[in-house]
Amino acid sequence: MRESIAKMVSEEQLLACIHCGLCLTSCPTYDVLAEESDSPRGRIWYMRALREGRASLTTGLRIHLDQCLACYACETACPSGVRYRDILEGTRGWAGTEEASSGQPFWRWFFLNVMTSRSRMRLAVSPMWLAGKMGLRGIAEKIGRKLPLSWLARSIDLIPAEIPAPFGGRHPRVLNPRGGKRLKVGLQTGCVMDAMFPGVNRLFAELLAVLGAEVVVPREQGCCGSLAVHQGERATGLRQAAELVAVFRETGVDIIASTAAGCGSMMKEYGHLLPEGSGTEFASKVRDVSEVLLELVRDIPATRPLPLRVGYHEACHLRNVQRLSGPPRELLRAVPGLVLVEIPGQEFCCGSAGVYNLLQPAIADELKSRKVAAVMEAQVDLVVTANPGCLLQMGSGLKGVEGAPPVAHLAEVLAYAWGLSVKLPI
């Protein structure tokens, strides 16, 4: 069913953009392509023309919309406070209803039905898991890179070296606090995070428990809806969001902690995305897990030193949407012996951006190569990030580069420093 673009895109937000151009230097696609049409203000011109009926959704116009990473760095540079995310996601949502009658492309079906499900994603990569168990991972990768679907072939390089088994490995429903209970935390495990990096979620849960939190992990939880909304499938995304709210409603938790920047950003928006305020209470409880940990470790110092030069790679949705540059850095600085090194070019996306690296390979690869060069320039022993997409993207970029440092999740470093049993990739 088609929706009116006027219902999904705010004229007030469109008119708030004064086209000053201060966003240009913060936009990765403009930096790579040097095209006004691929800048935030250029796209806003197009989206305003669509809303006012002065343009139609042509293939060329849709390309410019699709080439946006949705990193929202432009919002941090905007003097007018334009919420570019609302304009872009609303327009993509309207475009999705416009295109629905022409049939859903296979790639969109795949992403929305496989990548938003822990079990289906595990099953999708199970051939690589089996190949690894049989010592045939290298051969399987060579075969995979020759697959006819380019985005599917590219996904081979993003699959981590260690893949969880297709079945089993469920999280405990509740972890009791060690010592006195200080907080009751609901852990939102995410899709890609829990499918590819369940050990990271487990470490975060154990660390929260060590620091005095009762941790509740609802097994019924599904996708937060962020991937669908970003891809223009707004109805699907909001349905998933409402289902997630319902799952956590009866848990009685004080805080809902997210281990993925994109998920946390989406859930903090539920208050105005879901109808009649049904997501407001949920959204008010959402925190990135680094926010929660920072409060809990203030009077519980780390016990294990880590004498390394560590470069922190900042996730876009943590930096630009949640505006949380501080907490992960403060946590890393609290680790004895750790020297925090700033990687150049933090303001630019690494090219992961959900499924962008699969759908827009040329731009994504250019951004990834720049990040790899920046990491090598920084001369660090370890790269740390706090988002699963960045972990996959940076890992694939640094793989095979001579002298390149390994990549670890923030959870691994913090769990090690606070005395948990964990093997760092160094």
Protein backbone atom coordinates (compact mmCIF):
# COMPACT_ATOMS: atom_id res chain seq x y z
CA MET A 1 0.00 0.00 0.00
CA ARG A 2 1.47 3.34 -1.06
CA GLU A 3 2.00 6.05 1.53
CA SER A 4 2.07 9.77 0.87
CA ILE A 5 5.58 11.17 1.17
CA ALA A 6 4.11 14.14 3.03
CA LYS A 7 3.14 11.79 5.87
CA MET A 8 6.67 10.42 6.16
CA VAL A 9 8.91 13.45 5.56
CA SER A 10 8.64 16.65 7.57
CA GLU A 11 8.48 19.88 5.58
CA GLU A 12 9.75 21.69 8.69
CA GLN A 13 12.95 19.61 8.73
CA LEU A 14 13.47 20.04 4.99
CA LEU A 15 13.13 23.80 5.26
CA ALA A 16 15.45 23.89 8.30
CA CYS A 17 18.38 23.12 6.00
CA ILE A 18 19.86 26.46 4.88
CA HIS A 19 22.24 24.78 2.41
CA CYS A 20 25.25 26.45 3.99
CA GLY A 21 27.57 23.59 3.03
CA LEU A 22 29.14 23.07 6.46
CA CYS A 23 28.10 19.43 6.21
CA LEU A 24 30.16 18.82 3.06
CA THR A 25 33.50 18.20 4.74
CA SER A 26 31.92 15.75 7.18
CA CYS A 27 30.24 13.62 4.48
CA PRO A 28 32.19 10.50 3.43
CA THR A 29 30.42 10.08 0.09
CA TYR A 30 30.99 13.70 -0.87
CA ASP A 31 34.64 13.32 0.14
CA VAL A 32 35.00 10.23 -2.07
CA LEU A 33 32.85 11.25 -5.05
CA ALA A 34 33.12 15.07 -4.92
CA GLU A 35 29.57 15.32 -6.30
CA GLU A 36 27.03 17.79 -4.90
CA SER A 37 24.30 15.22 -5.55
CA ASP A 38 26.05 12.88 -3.10
CA SER A 39 26.29 15.41 -0.29
CA PRO A 40 23.74 15.88 2.50
CA ARG A 41 22.47 19.21 1.17
CA GLY A 42 22.31 17.82 -2.37
CA ARG A 43 20.23 14.87 -1.23
CA ILE A 44 18.00 17.21 0.77
CA TRP A 45 17.37 19.20 -2.41
CA TYR A 46 16.28 15.99 -4.11
CA MET A 47 14.11 14.87 -1.19
CA ARG A 48 12.47 18.27 -0.97
CA ALA A 49 11.73 18.14 -4.71
CA LEU A 50 10.14 14.71 -4.25
CA ARG A 51 7.95 15.95 -1.42
CA GLU A 52 6.87 19.03 -3.37
CA GLY A 53 6.12 17.00 -6.50
CA ARG A 54 8.85 18.67 -8.56
CA ALA A 55 10.70 15.37 -9.10
CA SER A 56 9.85 11.71 -9.44
CA LEU A 57 11.63 8.68 -8.07
CA THR A 58 13.87 7.96 -11.03
CA THR A 59 16.63 5.35 -11.03
CA GLY A 60 19.27 8.09 -11.02
CA LEU A 61 17.73 9.87 -8.05
CA ARG A 62 17.39 6.60 -6.14
CA ILE A 63 21.10 5.92 -6.68
CA HIS A 64 21.99 9.15 -4.89
CA LEU A 65 19.74 8.22 -1.97
CA ASP A 66 21.14 4.69 -1.80
CA GLN A 67 24.74 5.90 -1.88
CA CYS A 68 24.23 7.68 1.45
CA LEU A 69 25.88 5.68 4.23
CA ALA A 70 23.40 6.94 6.83
CA CYS A 71 26.37 7.62 9.10
CA TYR A 72 24.80 10.99 10.06
CA ALA A 73 28.12 12.77 10.49
CA CYS A 74 26.38 15.69 8.77
CA GLU A 75 24.18 16.17 11.83
CA THR A 76 27.20 16.88 14.02
CA ALA A 77 28.28 19.68 11.65
CA CYS A 78 24.86 21.23 11.02
CA PRO A 79 24.37 24.68 12.63
CA SER A 80 20.59 24.46 12.07
CA GLY A 81 20.07 21.19 13.92
CA VAL A 82 18.60 19.39 10.91
CA ARG A 83 17.66 15.79 11.76
CA TYR A 84 18.86 14.39 8.46
CA ARG A 85 18.13 10.86 9.67
CA ASP A 86 14.38 11.58 9.82
CA ILE A 87 14.38 13.04 6.32
CA LEU A 88 16.41 10.20 4.79
CA GLU A 89 14.64 7.34 6.56
CA GLY A 90 11.24 8.86 5.84
CA THR A 91 12.05 9.26 2.15
CA ARG A 92 13.48 5.75 1.89
CA GLY A 93 10.37 4.44 3.63
CA TRP A 94 8.12 6.22 1.13
CA ALA A 95 10.32 4.97 -1.74
CA GLY A 96 9.91 1.45 -0.40
CA THR A 97 6.13 1.68 -0.62
CA GLU A 98 6.41 3.15 -4.13
CA GLU A 99 8.56 0.24 -5.29
CA ALA A 100 6.61 -2.51 -3.53
CA SER A 101 4.33 -3.12 -6.51
CA SER A 102 7.32 -4.01 -8.71
CA GLY A 103 8.31 -6.93 -6.51
CA GLN A 104 10.93 -7.25 -3.80
CA PRO A 105 14.50 -7.80 -5.06
CA PHE A 106 16.13 -10.99 -3.78
CA TRP A 107 18.87 -9.12 -1.96
CA ARG A 108 16.30 -7.18 0.05
CA TRP A 109 14.45 -10.37 0.94
CA PHE A 110 17.74 -11.96 1.99
CA PHE A 111 18.82 -9.11 4.23
CA LEU A 112 15.47 -8.60 5.89
CA ASN A 113 14.75 -12.29 6.45
CA VAL A 114 18.22 -13.68 7.11
CA MET A 115 20.33 -10.92 8.60
CA THR A 116 17.64 -9.96 11.10
CA SER A 117 17.50 -13.45 12.59
CA ARG A 118 20.22 -14.99 14.73
CA SER A 119 19.27 -18.56 13.82
CA ARG A 120 18.88 -17.93 10.07
CA MET A 121 22.14 -16.01 9.88
CA ARG A 122 23.98 -18.82 11.66
CA LEU A 123 22.43 -21.28 9.21
CA ALA A 124 23.44 -19.11 6.23
CA VAL A 125 27.13 -19.21 7.21
CA SER A 126 27.06 -22.85 8.36
CA PRO A 127 28.82 -24.09 5.17
CA MET A 128 31.81 -21.92 6.11
CA TRP A 129 31.63 -23.21 9.69
CA LEU A 130 31.63 -26.80 8.44
CA ALA A 131 34.48 -26.05 6.01
CA GLY A 132 36.51 -24.67 8.90
CA LYS A 133 35.92 -27.79 10.97
CA MET A 134 37.11 -29.90 8.04
CA GLY A 135 40.19 -27.76 7.42
CA LEU A 136 38.80 -26.55 4.08
CA ARG A 137 38.09 -22.91 4.93
CA GLY A 138 40.53 -21.57 2.31
CA ILE A 139 39.00 -23.67 -0.47
CA ALA A 140 35.48 -22.68 0.58
CA GLU A 141 36.42 -19.00 0.47
CA LYS A 142 37.81 -19.34 -3.07
CA ILE A 143 34.60 -21.02 -4.22
CA GLY A 144 32.46 -18.44 -2.43
CA ARG A 145 34.20 -15.51 -4.12
CA LYS A 146 33.14 -16.91 -7.50
CA LEU A 147 29.42 -16.91 -6.67
CA PRO A 148 27.33 -15.16 -9.33
CA LEU A 149 25.68 -12.72 -6.90
CA SER A 150 28.34 -10.07 -6.28
CA TRP A 151 27.05 -9.00 -2.85
CA LEU A 152 26.94 -12.63 -1.71
CA ALA A 153 30.47 -13.25 -2.97
CA ARG A 154 31.69 -10.13 -1.15
CA SER A 155 30.17 -11.32 2.11
CA ILE A 156 32.69 -14.18 2.19
CA ASP A 157 35.52 -11.83 3.13
CA LEU A 158 33.48 -10.38 5.99
CA ILE A 159 32.84 -13.69 7.74
CA PRO A 160 35.04 -13.85 10.86
CA ALA A 161 37.71 -16.52 11.26
CA GLU A 162 35.84 -18.13 14.15
CA ILE A 163 32.18 -18.83 13.36
CA PRO A 164 29.75 -20.00 16.05
CA ALA A 165 28.12 -23.39 15.57
CA PRO A 166 24.80 -23.20 13.70
CA PHE A 167 22.80 -24.52 16.64
CA GLY A 168 22.96 -24.21 20.39
CA GLY A 169 24.95 -21.77 22.47
CA ARG A 170 22.00 -19.94 24.02
CA HIS A 171 22.65 -17.31 26.67
CA PRO A 172 21.51 -17.86 30.25
CA ARG A 173 18.21 -16.09 30.86
CA VAL A 174 19.45 -14.46 34.06
CA LEU A 175 22.92 -13.81 35.47
CA ASN A 176 22.96 -13.04 39.17
CA PRO A 177 25.17 -10.22 40.44
CA ARG A 178 28.38 -11.05 42.25
CA GLY A 179 28.19 -9.23 45.53
CA GLY A 180 25.43 -6.76 46.27
CA LYS A 181 22.90 -6.02 43.56
CA ARG A 182 23.29 -2.49 42.21
CA LEU A 183 21.17 -2.57 39.06
CA LYS A 184 18.86 -4.77 37.00
CA VAL A 185 19.94 -4.68 33.35
CA GLY A 186 18.18 -6.15 30.34
CA LEU A 187 20.68 -7.12 27.64
CA GLN A 188 19.58 -6.56 24.04
CA THR A 189 21.73 -8.99 22.08
CA GLY A 190 21.18 -7.80 18.49
CA CYS A 191 21.18 -9.80 15.25
CA VAL A 192 24.62 -9.63 13.66
CA MET A 193 26.23 -9.31 17.08
CA ASP A 194 24.62 -12.43 18.50
CA ALA A 195 24.92 -14.46 15.31
CA MET A 196 28.60 -13.70 14.61
CA PHE A 197 29.93 -12.64 18.03
CA PRO A 198 27.89 -14.34 20.74
CA GLY A 199 31.00 -14.47 22.91
CA VAL A 200 31.04 -10.67 23.02
CA ASN A 201 27.48 -10.54 24.37
CA ARG A 202 28.41 -13.22 26.87
CA LEU A 203 31.44 -11.24 28.05
CA PHE A 204 29.38 -8.09 28.47
CA ALA A 205 26.77 -9.99 30.48
CA GLU A 206 29.42 -11.57 32.71
CA LEU A 207 31.19 -8.24 33.19
CA LEU A 208 27.95 -6.52 34.17
CA ALA A 209 27.31 -9.30 36.70
CA VAL A 210 30.84 -8.99 38.11
CA LEU A 211 30.23 -5.28 38.61
CA GLY A 212 27.02 -5.86 40.55
CA ALA A 213 24.24 -5.97 37.96
CA GLU A 214 21.54 -8.59 37.69
CA VAL A 215 21.44 -9.30 33.96
CA VAL A 216 18.27 -10.45 32.19
CA VAL A 217 18.61 -11.81 28.64
CA PRO A 218 15.17 -12.49 27.11
CA ARG A 219 15.53 -15.36 24.63
CA GLU A 220 12.36 -14.33 22.82
CA GLN A 221 13.86 -11.04 21.66
CA GLY A 222 14.18 -10.43 17.94
CA CYS A 223 15.48 -7.67 15.69
CA CYS A 224 15.26 -4.03 16.81
CA GLY A 225 14.12 -2.98 13.32
CA SER A 226 17.07 -0.75 12.42
CA LEU A 227 18.15 -2.61 9.28
CA ALA A 228 14.64 -2.63 7.83
CA VAL A 229 14.06 1.06 8.55
CA HIS A 230 17.42 2.02 7.04
CA GLN A 231 16.62 0.01 3.90
CA GLY A 232 13.25 1.66 3.45
CA GLU A 233 11.12 -1.19 4.81
CA ARG A 234 9.65 1.02 7.50
CA ALA A 235 6.54 -1.03 8.26
CA THR A 236 8.64 -4.15 8.86
CA GLY A 237 11.09 -2.27 11.05
CA LEU A 238 8.40 -0.69 13.22
CA ARG A 239 6.68 -4.06 13.63
CA GLN A 240 9.96 -5.56 14.83
CA ALA A 241 10.45 -2.61 17.18
CA ALA A 242 6.99 -3.07 18.71
CA GLU A 243 7.66 -6.78 19.23
CA LEU A 244 10.95 -6.01 21.01
CA VAL A 245 9.22 -3.52 23.29
CA ALA A 246 6.64 -6.17 24.20
CA VAL A 247 9.35 -8.73 25.05
CA PHE A 248 11.11 -6.40 27.50
CA ARG A 249 7.91 -4.96 29.01
CA GLU A 250 7.53 -7.69 31.65
CA THR A 251 11.21 -7.97 32.64
CA GLY A 252 11.14 -5.17 35.21
CA VAL A 253 14.63 -4.01 34.27
CA ASP A 254 16.01 -0.60 35.21
CA ILE A 255 18.08 -0.27 32.04
CA ILE A 256 18.15 -1.90 28.61
CA ALA A 257 21.75 -2.18 27.43
CA SER A 258 22.71 -2.51 23.77
CA THR A 259 26.00 -3.95 22.53
CA ALA A 260 25.66 -2.63 18.96
CA ALA A 261 25.73 1.08 18.08
CA GLY A 262 23.11 0.84 15.33
CA CYS A 263 20.67 -1.06 17.54
CA GLY A 264 21.09 1.36 20.43
CA SER A 265 20.55 4.35 18.15
CA MET A 266 17.35 2.87 16.77
CA MET A 267 15.95 1.89 20.18
CA LYS A 268 16.58 5.35 21.62
CA GLU A 269 14.28 6.66 18.85
CA TYR A 270 11.33 4.38 19.69
CA GLY A 271 9.63 7.21 21.59
CA HIS A 272 8.78 9.10 18.43
CA LEU A 273 8.90 6.22 15.95
CA LEU A 274 6.25 4.02 17.55
CA PRO A 275 2.63 5.21 17.68
CA GLU A 276 0.86 6.75 20.67
CA GLY A 277 3.95 6.82 22.85
CA SER A 278 4.10 3.02 23.05
CA GLY A 279 7.89 3.06 22.82
CA THR A 280 8.59 6.04 25.10
CA GLU A 281 9.21 4.16 28.36
CA PHE A 282 11.38 1.58 26.59
CA ALA A 283 13.44 4.29 24.85
CA SER A 284 14.02 6.11 28.14
CA LYS A 285 15.71 3.00 29.53
CA VAL A 286 18.04 2.33 26.58
CA ARG A 287 21.76 2.81 27.12
CA ASP A 288 24.81 1.75 25.20
CA VAL A 289 26.57 -0.85 27.30
CA SER A 290 29.60 1.46 27.60
CA GLU A 291 27.40 4.01 29.40
CA VAL A 292 26.29 1.37 31.89
CA LEU A 293 29.77 -0.01 32.49
CA LEU A 294 31.28 3.43 32.99
CA GLU A 295 28.93 4.06 35.90
CA LEU A 296 29.57 0.65 37.45
CA VAL A 297 33.40 0.70 37.27
CA ARG A 298 33.87 4.10 38.91
CA ASP A 299 34.47 2.49 42.30
CA ILE A 300 35.66 -0.93 41.08
CA PRO A 301 39.10 -0.55 39.45
CA ALA A 302 40.49 -2.92 36.84
CA THR A 303 42.72 -5.63 38.26
CA ARG A 304 44.74 -6.80 35.24
CA PRO A 305 47.14 -4.50 33.33
CA LEU A 306 47.31 -4.44 29.55
CA PRO A 307 50.54 -2.72 28.40
CA LEU A 308 49.55 -2.07 24.77
CA ARG A 309 49.10 0.83 22.38
CA VAL A 310 45.41 0.58 21.56
CA GLY A 311 43.66 2.47 18.76
CA TYR A 312 39.94 2.98 19.30
CA HIS A 313 37.88 2.91 16.10
CA GLU A 314 34.69 4.88 16.64
CA ALA A 315 31.37 3.60 15.33
CA CYS A 316 29.34 6.23 13.45
CA HIS A 317 26.06 5.64 15.24
CA LEU A 318 27.80 5.81 18.61
CA ARG A 319 29.58 9.04 17.69
CA ASN A 320 27.06 10.86 15.50
CA VAL A 321 23.65 9.68 16.68
CA GLN A 322 24.13 8.71 20.32
CA ARG A 323 26.95 11.28 20.77
CA LEU A 324 28.92 8.87 22.93
CA SER A 325 32.54 9.49 22.06
CA GLY A 326 33.52 9.69 25.72
CA PRO A 327 32.44 6.50 27.56
CA PRO A 328 34.39 3.90 25.51
CA ARG A 329 37.54 6.03 25.70
CA GLU A 330 37.15 6.56 29.46
CA LEU A 331 36.78 2.82 29.96
CA LEU A 332 39.91 2.09 27.94
CA ARG A 333 41.89 4.75 29.81
CA ALA A 334 40.88 3.05 33.07
CA VAL A 335 42.83 -0.09 32.07
CA PRO A 336 46.28 -0.10 33.73
CA GLY A 337 49.17 0.13 31.27
CA LEU A 338 46.95 0.75 28.24
CA VAL A 339 47.95 3.68 26.05
CA LEU A 340 44.98 5.02 24.06
CA VAL A 341 45.98 6.20 20.61
CA GLU A 342 43.67 8.27 18.41
CA ILE A 343 43.40 6.88 14.87
CA PRO A 344 43.37 9.67 12.26
CA GLY A 345 40.13 10.32 10.39
CA GLN A 346 37.74 9.21 13.14
CA GLU A 347 35.03 11.46 11.69
CA PHE A 348 34.67 9.28 8.59
CA CYS A 349 32.77 5.99 8.34
CA CYS A 350 34.70 2.76 7.71
CA GLY A 351 32.21 1.81 4.98
CA SER A 352 30.35 -0.93 6.86
CA ALA A 353 27.09 0.97 7.53
CA GLY A 354 24.76 -2.01 7.96
CA VAL A 355 24.79 -3.75 4.58
CA TYR A 356 26.28 -0.82 2.67
CA ASN A 357 29.61 -2.62 2.18
CA LEU A 358 27.75 -5.34 0.27
CA LEU A 359 25.55 -3.06 -1.83
CA GLN A 360 27.93 -0.16 -2.54
CA PRO A 361 31.31 -1.93 -2.79
CA ALA A 362 33.30 0.79 -4.60
CA ILE A 363 32.66 3.51 -2.02
CA ALA A 364 32.85 1.08 0.90
CA ASP A 365 36.21 -0.28 -0.25
CA GLU A 366 37.65 3.22 -0.65
CA LEU A 367 36.58 4.14 2.87
CA LYS A 368 37.93 0.86 4.22
CA SER A 369 41.31 1.34 2.54
CA ARG A 370 41.57 4.81 4.09
CA LYS A 371 40.85 3.36 7.53
CA VAL A 372 43.49 0.67 7.05
CA ALA A 373 46.05 3.31 6.07
CA ALA A 374 45.13 5.37 9.14
CA VAL A 375 45.52 2.37 11.44
CA MET A 376 48.93 1.54 10.00
CA GLU A 377 49.98 5.17 10.41
CA ALA A 378 48.95 5.11 14.09
CA GLN A 379 51.29 2.16 14.80
CA VAL A 380 49.10 0.48 17.38
CA ASP A 381 49.26 -3.03 18.83
CA LEU A 382 45.50 -3.55 18.82
CA VAL A 383 42.45 -1.92 17.25
CA VAL A 384 39.33 -1.82 19.42
CA THR A 385 35.80 -1.05 18.31
CA ALA A 386 32.37 -1.35 19.91
CA ASN A 387 30.17 -2.30 16.96
CA PRO A 388 29.83 -5.63 15.11
CA GLY A 389 29.68 -4.11 11.62
CA CYS A 390 32.87 -2.14 12.21
CA LEU A 391 34.50 -5.26 13.65
CA LEU A 392 33.73 -7.21 10.45
CA GLN A 393 34.72 -4.37 8.12
CA MET A 394 37.98 -3.47 9.86
CA GLY A 395 38.87 -7.13 10.29
CA SER A 396 38.45 -7.79 6.58
CA GLY A 397 40.49 -4.70 5.68
CA LEU A 398 43.43 -5.49 7.94
CA LYS A 399 43.45 -9.20 7.13
CA GLY A 400 46.59 -10.09 5.19
CA VAL A 401 48.20 -6.64 5.57
CA GLU A 402 51.80 -7.11 6.68
CA GLY A 403 52.35 -5.84 10.22
CA ALA A 404 48.68 -5.03 10.73
CA PRO A 405 47.34 -5.18 14.30
CA PRO A 406 44.47 -7.50 15.21
CA VAL A 407 40.98 -6.17 15.88
CA ALA A 408 39.08 -6.79 19.10
CA HIS A 409 35.75 -5.76 20.55
CA LEU A 410 35.67 -3.39 23.51
CA ALA A 411 34.10 -6.19 25.57
CA GLU A 412 37.16 -8.40 25.18
CA VAL A 413 39.56 -5.75 26.47
CA LEU A 414 37.35 -4.75 29.39
CA ALA A 415 36.60 -8.34 30.38
CA TYR A 416 40.34 -9.07 30.39
CA ALA A 417 41.14 -5.98 32.47
CA TRP A 418 38.45 -6.74 35.05
CA GLY A 419 39.70 -10.27 35.57
CA LEU A 420 37.43 -12.46 33.43
CA SER A 421 38.72 -15.46 31.54
CA VAL A 422 39.25 -14.25 27.98
CA LYS A 423 41.93 -14.69 25.35
CA LEU A 424 42.76 -11.51 23.48
CA PRO A 425 43.77 -11.80 19.79
CA ILE A 426 47.33 -10.61 20.40
